[in-house]
Protein backbone atom coordinates (compact mmCIF):
# COMPACT_ATOMS: atom_id res chain seq x y z
CA UNK A 1 111.69 84.58 115.45
CA UNK A 2 110.49 82.16 113.11
CA UNK A 3 108.20 80.29 115.77
CA UNK A 4 106.61 84.24 116.75
CA UNK A 5 106.81 85.75 112.74
CA UNK A 6 104.29 82.08 112.62
CA UNK A 7 102.19 82.90 115.22
CA UNK A 8 101.59 86.72 114.16
CA UNK A 9 100.82 85.16 110.39
CA UNK A 10 98.21 82.15 111.08
CA UNK A 11 95.63 84.68 112.54
CA UNK A 12 95.90 87.51 110.20
CA UNK A 13 95.50 85.00 107.76
CA UNK A 14 91.57 84.03 109.66
CA UNK A 15 91.21 87.63 109.93
CA UNK A 16 91.63 88.14 106.60
CA UNK A 17 89.78 85.45 105.25
CA UNK A 18 86.29 86.03 107.35
CA UNK A 19 86.88 89.12 106.54
CA UNK A 20 86.57 88.65 102.45
CA UNK A 21 83.90 86.19 103.04
CA UNK A 22 81.97 88.56 104.56
CA UNK A 23 82.65 91.34 101.26
CA UNK A 24 81.06 88.63 98.99
CA UNK A 25 78.60 87.82 100.92
CA UNK A 26 77.29 91.22 101.04
CA UNK A 27 77.93 91.20 97.30
CA UNK A 28 75.86 88.32 96.52
CA UNK A 29 73.30 89.54 98.73
CA UNK A 30 72.99 92.49 96.47
CA UNK A 31 73.27 90.53 93.43
CA UNK A 32 70.59 89.01 95.28
CA UNK A 33 68.17 91.89 94.57
CA UNK A 34 69.81 93.00 90.68
CA UNK A 35 73.05 92.87 88.05
CA UNK A 36 72.83 96.32 88.81
CA UNK A 37 72.70 96.72 92.04
CA UNK A 38 75.95 94.92 92.29
CA UNK A 39 77.56 97.14 90.37
CA UNK A 40 76.41 100.27 92.78
CA UNK A 41 77.77 97.84 96.24
CA UNK A 42 80.90 97.12 94.23
CA UNK A 43 81.17 101.60 93.23
CA UNK A 44 80.49 102.20 96.95
CA UNK A 45 83.02 100.18 98.52
CA UNK A 46 85.89 101.71 95.90
CA UNK A 47 84.46 105.02 97.01
CA UNK A 48 84.84 104.31 100.65
CA UNK A 49 88.24 102.81 100.92
CA UNK A 50 88.71 106.21 98.74
CA UNK A 51 87.61 108.37 101.71
CA UNK A 52 89.41 105.78 103.79
CA UNK A 53 92.70 105.93 102.80
CA UNK A 54 92.47 110.32 104.20
CA UNK A 55 93.22 108.01 107.58
CA UNK A 56 95.71 106.39 106.43
CA UNK A 57 97.66 109.17 107.22
CA UNK A 58 98.29 108.00 110.48
CA UNK A 59 96.67 104.56 109.89
CA UNK A 60 99.76 102.85 107.89
CA UNK A 61 102.05 104.28 110.84
CA UNK A 62 100.39 103.33 114.20
CA UNK A 63 101.56 100.09 114.07
CA UNK A 64 105.27 100.21 113.12
CA UNK A 65 105.94 103.29 115.80
CA UNK A 66 104.34 101.30 118.27
CA UNK A 67 105.79 97.49 117.11
CA UNK A 68 109.43 99.79 117.16
CA UNK A 69 109.15 101.05 120.70
CA UNK A 70 108.25 97.73 121.73
CA UNK A 71 111.47 95.89 120.05
CA UNK A 72 112.79 98.71 122.27
CA UNK A 73 111.93 98.70 125.60
CA UNK A 74 109.83 101.67 125.80
CA UNK A 75 107.11 100.61 126.72
CA UNK A 76 105.57 104.25 128.33
CA UNK A 77 106.16 105.60 124.31
CA UNK A 78 104.43 102.81 123.19
CA UNK A 79 101.09 104.02 125.11
CA UNK A 80 101.57 107.51 124.56
CA UNK A 81 101.30 106.38 120.62
CA UNK A 82 99.01 104.39 120.83
CA UNK A 83 96.57 107.15 123.24
CA UNK A 84 97.72 109.97 119.88
CA UNK A 85 96.24 107.28 117.17
CA UNK A 86 92.59 107.18 119.33
CA UNK A 87 92.47 111.19 118.43
CA UNK A 88 93.91 110.68 114.80
CA UNK A 89 90.83 108.59 114.57
CA UNK A 90 88.81 111.11 115.16
CA UNK A 91 89.40 113.75 113.25
CA UNK A 92 90.10 112.07 110.06
CA UNK A 93 87.66 109.42 110.56
CA UNK A 94 84.69 112.00 111.35
CA UNK A 95 85.89 114.15 108.55
CA UNK A 96 85.48 111.68 105.70
CA UNK A 97 82.24 110.90 107.45
CA UNK A 98 80.90 114.15 106.87
CA UNK A 99 82.18 113.96 103.44
CA UNK A 100 80.07 110.98 102.26
CA UNK A 101 77.01 112.55 103.27
CA UNK A 102 77.11 115.54 101.47
CA UNK A 103 79.00 114.34 98.90
CA UNK A 104 77.67 111.51 98.11
CA UNK A 105 76.18 112.20 94.47
CA UNK A 106 79.23 114.02 93.05
CA UNK A 107 81.96 111.83 93.97
CA UNK A 108 79.87 109.23 92.45
CA UNK A 109 79.04 110.77 89.07
CA UNK A 110 82.93 111.48 89.04
CA UNK A 111 83.67 107.88 88.35
CA UNK A 112 81.31 107.42 86.07
CA UNK A 113 78.30 105.26 87.64
CA UNK A 114 75.64 104.52 85.05
CA UNK A 115 72.60 105.82 85.94
CA UNK A 116 70.69 102.70 87.21
CA UNK A 117 73.41 102.29 89.23
CA UNK A 118 74.12 105.78 90.59
CA UNK A 119 70.75 105.87 91.61
CA UNK A 120 71.70 102.53 94.02
CA UNK A 121 75.09 103.37 95.19
CA UNK A 122 74.57 107.04 96.82
CA UNK A 123 71.41 106.64 99.72
CA UNK A 124 74.41 103.36 100.08
CA UNK A 125 77.61 105.46 100.41
CA UNK A 126 75.23 108.00 102.87
CA UNK A 127 74.69 105.04 105.17
CA UNK A 128 78.22 104.23 104.82
CA UNK A 129 78.85 107.15 106.99
CA UNK A 130 79.29 106.83 110.01
CA UNK A 131 81.31 103.40 109.64
CA UNK A 132 84.03 105.52 108.39
CA UNK A 133 84.10 106.87 111.59
CA UNK A 134 84.11 103.40 113.26
CA UNK A 135 86.12 101.67 111.12
CA UNK A 136 88.56 104.87 111.90
CA UNK A 137 88.57 104.31 115.78
CA UNK A 138 88.43 100.17 115.55
CA UNK A 139 91.63 100.10 112.71
CA UNK A 140 93.13 102.47 115.68
CA UNK A 141 92.94 100.00 118.42
CA UNK A 142 93.28 96.58 116.52
CA UNK A 143 96.67 98.16 114.84
CA UNK A 144 98.30 98.71 118.68
CA UNK A 145 96.95 95.40 119.57
CA UNK A 146 98.83 93.84 116.63
CA UNK A 147 101.83 95.38 117.75
CA UNK A 148 101.40 93.92 121.07
CA UNK A 149 101.53 90.39 118.90
CA UNK A 150 97.51 90.03 119.93
CA UNK A 151 96.96 88.75 116.76
CA UNK A 152 94.31 85.92 118.22
CA UNK A 153 92.27 88.32 120.36
CA UNK A 154 92.09 90.70 117.25
CA UNK A 155 91.09 88.05 115.65
CA UNK A 156 88.18 87.08 118.22
CA UNK A 157 86.60 90.95 117.82
CA UNK A 158 86.58 90.41 114.22
CA UNK A 159 84.81 86.66 114.67
CA UNK A 160 81.91 88.71 117.09
CA UNK A 161 81.50 91.53 114.30
CA UNK A 162 81.21 89.80 111.37
CA UNK A 163 79.47 87.59 112.92
CA UNK A 164 76.84 90.22 113.86
CA UNK A 165 76.85 91.99 110.81
CA UNK A 166 75.69 89.34 108.41
CA UNK A 167 73.33 87.93 110.83
CA UNK A 168 71.80 91.39 110.33
CA UNK A 169 72.52 92.32 106.64
CA UNK A 170 70.52 89.87 104.98
CA UNK A 171 67.41 90.76 107.15
CA UNK A 172 67.60 94.51 106.69
CA UNK A 173 67.61 94.40 103.64
CA UNK A 174 64.91 91.40 101.94
CA UNK A 175 62.77 91.78 105.14
CA UNK A 176 62.80 88.80 107.82
CA UNK A 177 59.99 86.80 106.87
CA UNK A 178 59.70 84.41 109.98
CA UNK A 179 59.08 86.57 111.44
CA UNK A 180 55.49 87.25 112.28
CA UNK A 181 55.21 90.82 113.41
CA UNK A 182 57.52 92.09 110.30
CA UNK A 183 56.78 89.88 107.75
CA UNK A 184 55.13 91.86 105.42
CA UNK A 185 58.35 95.09 105.51
CA UNK A 186 60.56 94.42 102.62
CA UNK A 187 63.40 95.04 103.76
CA UNK A 188 65.91 98.54 103.26
CA UNK A 189 67.53 97.58 99.90
CA UNK A 190 71.06 98.35 99.99
CA UNK A 191 71.01 100.53 102.49
CA UNK A 192 70.16 97.75 105.35
CA UNK A 193 73.92 96.91 104.46
CA UNK A 194 74.92 99.58 105.87
CA UNK A 195 73.29 99.85 108.51
CA UNK A 196 74.30 96.32 109.78
CA UNK A 197 77.74 97.52 109.24
CA UNK A 198 77.51 100.24 111.51
CA UNK A 199 75.70 98.15 114.51
CA UNK A 200 78.86 95.80 113.81
CA UNK A 201 81.12 97.96 114.36
CA UNK A 202 80.25 99.89 117.29
CA UNK A 203 80.52 96.72 118.93
CA UNK A 204 83.17 95.59 117.83
CA UNK A 205 84.53 99.53 119.28
CA UNK A 206 83.55 97.86 122.85
CA UNK A 207 85.29 94.81 122.28
CA UNK A 208 88.87 96.60 121.55
CA UNK A 209 87.76 99.02 124.33
CA UNK A 210 87.59 96.32 126.90
CA UNK A 211 90.80 94.17 125.43
CA UNK A 212 92.83 97.49 125.75
CA UNK A 213 91.45 97.41 129.37
CA UNK A 214 92.54 93.71 130.14
CA UNK A 215 95.42 92.29 128.20
CA UNK A 216 97.37 96.00 127.47
CA UNK A 217 96.73 97.42 130.82
CA UNK A 218 94.85 100.67 128.60
CA UNK A 219 92.07 102.42 129.64
CA UNK A 220 92.14 105.21 127.09
CA UNK A 221 90.20 108.43 128.41
CA UNK A 222 87.50 110.89 126.74
CA UNK A 223 89.66 113.31 126.39
CA UNK A 224 92.42 110.56 124.17
CA UNK A 225 89.69 111.03 121.58
CA UNK A 226 90.02 113.93 120.33
CA UNK A 227 93.41 116.16 122.25
CA UNK A 228 95.65 115.52 119.82
CA UNK A 229 99.37 114.59 120.87
CA UNK A 230 101.79 116.44 118.44
CA UNK A 231 105.17 114.64 120.10
CA UNK A 232 103.46 111.22 119.38
CA UNK A 233 101.84 112.06 116.30
CA UNK A 234 105.67 113.41 114.52
CA UNK A 235 106.35 110.28 114.23
CA UNK A 236 103.21 108.28 113.83
CA UNK A 237 103.37 111.04 110.51
CA UNK A 238 107.28 110.37 109.49
CA UNK A 239 105.69 107.34 108.63
CA UNK A 240 102.59 107.14 107.57
CA UNK A 241 102.59 110.24 105.28
CA UNK A 242 104.35 108.29 102.79
CA UNK A 243 102.44 105.32 103.34
CA UNK A 244 99.19 107.14 103.03
CA UNK A 245 100.16 109.08 99.67
CA UNK A 246 101.74 105.04 97.88
CA UNK A 247 97.96 103.80 99.22
CA UNK A 248 96.15 107.28 98.06
CA UNK A 249 98.05 107.21 94.65
CA UNK A 250 97.10 103.77 93.64
CA UNK A 251 93.49 104.11 94.59
CA UNK A 252 92.85 107.30 92.76
CA UNK A 253 94.44 105.38 89.67
CA UNK A 254 91.91 102.29 90.22
CA UNK A 255 89.64 104.42 90.66
CA UNK A 256 90.08 106.26 86.95
CA UNK A 257 90.68 102.71 85.55
CA UNK A 258 87.38 102.03 87.57
CA UNK A 259 85.57 105.41 85.35
CA UNK A 260 87.00 103.33 82.66
CA UNK A 261 85.13 100.38 82.76
CA UNK A 262 82.09 102.34 83.71
CA UNK A 263 82.07 103.66 80.43
CA UNK A 264 81.69 100.08 79.09
CA UNK A 265 79.14 99.72 80.71
CA UNK A 266 76.92 98.01 83.58
CA UNK A 267 77.57 93.85 82.64
CA UNK A 268 81.69 95.02 82.96
CA UNK A 269 80.93 96.67 86.13
CA UNK A 270 79.19 93.83 87.26
CA UNK A 271 81.45 91.60 85.74
CA UNK A 272 84.77 93.27 87.02
CA UNK A 273 83.11 93.61 91.01
CA UNK A 274 82.02 89.44 91.01
CA UNK A 275 86.04 88.40 90.02
CA UNK A 276 87.73 91.33 92.67
CA UNK A 277 85.76 89.93 94.89
CA UNK A 278 87.15 86.28 94.21
CA UNK A 279 90.46 88.12 93.51
CA UNK A 280 90.71 88.70 97.46
CA UNK A 281 90.84 85.64 98.32
CA UNK A 282 93.23 84.92 95.79
CA UNK A 283 95.94 87.60 98.06
CA UNK A 284 94.83 86.98 101.35
CA UNK A 285 97.66 84.93 102.16
CA UNK A 286 100.15 87.35 100.67
CA UNK A 287 98.78 89.77 102.68
CA UNK A 288 98.53 88.27 105.72
CA UNK A 289 102.37 87.65 105.66
CA UNK A 290 102.84 91.38 104.86
CA UNK A 291 100.98 92.32 108.25
CA UNK A 292 102.48 90.05 109.97
CA UNK A 293 106.44 91.22 108.27
CA UNK A 294 105.36 94.75 109.31
CA UNK A 295 105.16 93.77 112.61
CA UNK A 296 107.71 91.87 113.42
CA UNK A 297 110.12 93.90 111.43
CA UNK A 298 109.32 96.61 113.14
CA UNK A 299 110.07 94.99 116.38
CA UNK A 300 113.32 93.82 114.93
CA UNK A 301 114.79 97.40 114.25
CA UNK A 302 113.51 98.65 117.25
CA UNK A 303 115.60 95.93 119.03
CA UNK A 304 118.53 96.43 116.05
CA UNK A 305 118.63 92.93 114.73
CA UNK A 306 118.99 94.23 110.89
CA UNK A 307 120.20 90.57 110.25
CA UNK A 308 117.37 88.53 111.29
CA UNK A 309 114.88 91.58 109.71
CA UNK A 310 116.85 90.55 106.10
CA UNK A 311 116.48 86.85 106.45
CA UNK A 312 113.00 86.74 107.35
CA UNK A 313 111.72 89.62 104.56
CA UNK A 314 113.60 86.95 102.25
CA UNK A 315 111.92 83.55 103.57
CA UNK A 316 108.21 85.53 103.84
CA UNK A 317 108.73 86.61 100.05
CA UNK A 318 109.16 83.17 98.68
CA UNK A 319 106.50 81.24 101.25
CA UNK A 320 103.74 84.32 99.89
CA UNK A 321 104.92 83.92 96.32
CA UNK A 322 104.19 80.12 95.82
CA UNK A 323 101.76 79.96 98.29
CA UNK A 324 99.10 82.74 95.75
CA UNK A 325 100.78 81.13 92.68
CA UNK A 326 99.03 77.76 93.47
CA UNK A 327 95.66 79.10 94.72
CA UNK A 328 95.46 81.64 91.55
CA UNK A 329 95.50 78.28 89.46
CA UNK A 330 93.43 76.29 91.81
CA UNK A 331 90.97 79.32 90.86
CA UNK A 332 91.31 80.50 87.63
CA UNK A 333 90.66 76.36 86.53
CA UNK A 334 87.58 76.98 88.83
CA UNK A 335 86.98 79.96 87.33
CA UNK A 336 83.38 79.68 85.58
CA UNK A 337 81.72 77.48 88.58
CA UNK A 338 82.53 80.36 91.57
CA UNK A 339 81.30 83.16 88.87
CA UNK A 340 77.95 81.26 89.31
CA UNK A 341 77.45 81.53 92.68
CA UNK A 342 76.46 85.34 92.00
CA UNK A 343 75.31 85.17 88.06
CA UNK A 344 73.84 83.08 85.71
CA UNK A 345 75.08 85.99 82.71
CA UNK A 346 76.78 83.84 80.02
CA UNK A 347 78.66 87.25 78.80
CA UNK A 348 79.58 88.01 83.00
CA UNK A 349 80.07 84.31 82.36
CA UNK A 350 82.73 84.13 79.55
CA UNK A 351 84.48 87.61 80.44
CA UNK A 352 85.19 86.76 84.12
CA UNK A 353 86.40 82.78 83.48
CA UNK A 354 89.05 85.00 81.18
CA UNK A 355 90.10 87.48 83.51
CA UNK A 356 90.79 84.59 86.19
CA UNK A 357 93.40 83.83 84.29
CA UNK A 358 95.54 86.93 83.92
CA UNK A 359 94.25 86.98 87.08
CA UNK A 360 97.54 84.88 87.94
CA UNK A 361 100.29 87.13 86.53
CA UNK A 362 98.31 89.96 88.69
CA UNK A 363 97.99 88.78 92.36
CA UNK A 364 101.85 87.39 91.88
CA UNK A 365 102.70 90.64 91.38
CA UNK A 366 100.60 92.30 93.62
CA UNK A 367 101.81 89.94 96.48
CA UNK A 368 105.75 90.34 95.42
CA UNK A 369 105.26 93.79 95.60
CA UNK A 370 102.82 94.08 99.35
CA UNK A 371 105.64 92.31 100.94
CA UNK A 372 108.33 94.03 100.49
CA UNK A 373 106.57 97.70 101.21
CA UNK A 374 105.57 96.08 104.16
CA UNK A 375 109.10 95.81 105.54
CA UNK A 376 110.99 98.84 104.21
CA UNK A 377 108.04 100.70 106.38
CA UNK A 378 108.58 98.91 109.05
CA UNK A 379 112.37 99.85 109.08
CA UNK A 380 111.71 103.72 108.29
CA UNK A 381 112.16 103.69 104.24
CA UNK A 382 108.52 104.56 103.73
CA UNK A 383 109.22 107.21 101.12
CA UNK A 384 110.52 105.29 99.02
CA UNK A 385 107.50 102.69 97.68
CA UNK A 386 105.90 106.03 97.07
CA UNK A 387 108.89 107.81 94.92
CA UNK A 388 109.25 105.25 93.06
CA UNK A 389 105.92 103.64 92.82
CA UNK A 390 103.47 107.11 91.67
CA UNK A 391 104.89 107.17 88.30
CA UNK A 392 103.81 103.43 87.17
CA UNK A 393 99.84 103.92 89.48
CA UNK A 394 99.37 106.85 87.17
CA UNK A 395 101.29 105.81 83.52
CA UNK A 396 100.49 102.13 84.12
CA UNK A 397 98.10 101.93 86.48
CA UNK A 398 95.51 104.29 85.66
CA UNK A 399 96.81 105.55 81.57
CA UNK A 400 96.53 101.35 80.73
CA UNK A 401 93.55 100.93 81.78
CA UNK A 402 91.41 103.45 79.51
CA UNK A 403 94.25 102.55 76.12
CA UNK A 404 94.47 99.25 76.50
CA UNK A 405 91.19 98.76 78.13
CA UNK A 406 88.94 101.75 76.09
CA UNK A 407 90.92 103.25 73.36
CA UNK A 408 92.33 100.23 72.14
CA UNK A 409 89.39 98.38 72.83
CA UNK A 410 90.50 94.97 73.80
CA UNK A 411 87.85 95.42 77.14
CA UNK A 412 88.54 94.65 80.70
CA UNK A 413 91.38 92.08 79.69
CA UNK A 414 93.35 94.99 78.61
CA UNK A 415 92.59 96.68 82.22
CA UNK A 416 93.29 93.65 83.53
CA UNK A 417 96.63 93.63 81.62
CA UNK A 418 97.37 97.12 82.31
CA UNK A 419 96.88 96.02 86.51
CA UNK A 420 99.19 93.49 86.53
CA UNK A 421 101.77 95.15 84.48
CA UNK A 422 101.99 98.30 87.59
CA UNK A 423 102.09 95.74 90.06
CA UNK A 424 105.42 93.95 88.49
CA UNK A 425 107.37 97.04 87.57
CA UNK A 426 106.61 98.48 91.25
CA UNK A 427 107.42 94.98 92.94
CA UNK A 428 110.83 94.85 91.01
CA UNK A 429 112.11 97.95 91.59
CA UNK A 430 111.20 97.30 96.27
CA UNK A 431 112.95 93.81 95.69
CA UNK A 432 115.94 95.77 94.23
CA UNK A 433 115.52 98.16 96.81
CA UNK A 434 115.62 95.36 99.64
CA UNK A 435 117.78 93.24 98.69
CA UNK A 436 120.89 96.30 97.94
CA UNK A 437 119.70 96.78 101.52
CA UNK A 438 118.76 100.74 100.56
CA UNK A 439 116.46 100.19 103.60
CA UNK A 440 119.49 99.41 106.14
CA UNK A 441 120.40 103.73 106.83
CA UNK A 442 117.09 104.14 107.53
CA UNK A 443 116.62 101.62 110.10
CA UNK A 444 119.58 102.36 112.01
CA UNK A 445 118.61 106.35 112.11
CA UNK A 446 115.18 104.95 113.31
CA UNK A 447 117.04 103.33 115.90
CA UNK A 448 118.92 106.30 116.78
CA UNK A 449 116.21 108.52 117.00
CA UNK A 450 114.41 106.32 119.40
CA UNK A 451 117.61 105.94 122.06
CA UNK A 452 117.93 109.89 121.61
CA UNK A 453 114.17 109.32 122.52
CA UNK A 454 114.82 107.36 126.07
CA UNK A 455 117.48 109.57 126.68
CA UNK A 456 115.27 112.52 127.26
């Protein structure tokens, strides 16, 4: 299983790294317009992520349920779950696309976006609305591919998709003076990034469709994209609802903290945006390991190899913590130089350098937390992370950001301290749950349900 785990984790690491690199390029493309555009880009991405959380009602459960069925050798049921996921993506992704299109202005105003940032963020969010639906479909299909351990094929889809996005984003945003027939066109600004994103997601959807047919022997019909299969959906929602509630709680708490940063002004928003872009590089090792743990533990639970699952998670936690610590220290050491890639503003450079050092504490806690939550969800113990962590997210993350950052006047440093405290509090609670084996009754219940399902 060791080789199997590494084979799953390595492509995920590359895939996440490429995704983060494209996000950083987008921030750089936006910052090339102005620091206000950089802040608008970051704020819109945060809101886009919050809207996409609605899809997590099912997204968090798709890969787990498919993995469990594959581990139990129930291949026909795994295919039915995959088809059910497509319709869920249509209804949830489509509804959020409508919300983004019609309510962009009031949603951004809730985040205390400064006037100069708001004017740029509204058209960007509206242009991104269609991408919510396309991302929901792509996420469904990619989750099923990963559950089948087809992580290399998923990686190639992401490579092509991001290559299309990057190659189109700059000319659509800033114009293309090297092309004579459009040399006078100034570009679309920030909405050009969204147009490039939509085109790339259409390409990704077509590639996923082909891979489902050729690698999984799954040929989706048009009805699969709209007909809800409630028998399979209830198992997906059993995992997905608590996972979505936990993710949504974090996103809402984070949005409250972003609103606190918005009170500090455009410089603070831009600084936060730039530092968080680099923090994603610190996180990718833990995120890749967490995704691989979720997939492999799901297979192990389906096969009832619970001892192997326990050993795997402890080993994955050690590796993730060590790698994250090393990368975070290296990033902090080069903080000022890295930020210079985005801006030359001395205030942003100084504040950002300070935040990089606090990010060592933040990102090690985040990795610690993320890996165990992924493992708990894969065993069927999906409610505990939400019940145990909701209070910390509301009080420590959201409340702490306003208390330390705004009320006590610590600025972005106070916000970062609140972030780190929340991650470590939740991470230690999740780790206690795992080492005390509180998840085992849930894993046994999952296996019993699947055995009953096979008999019927």
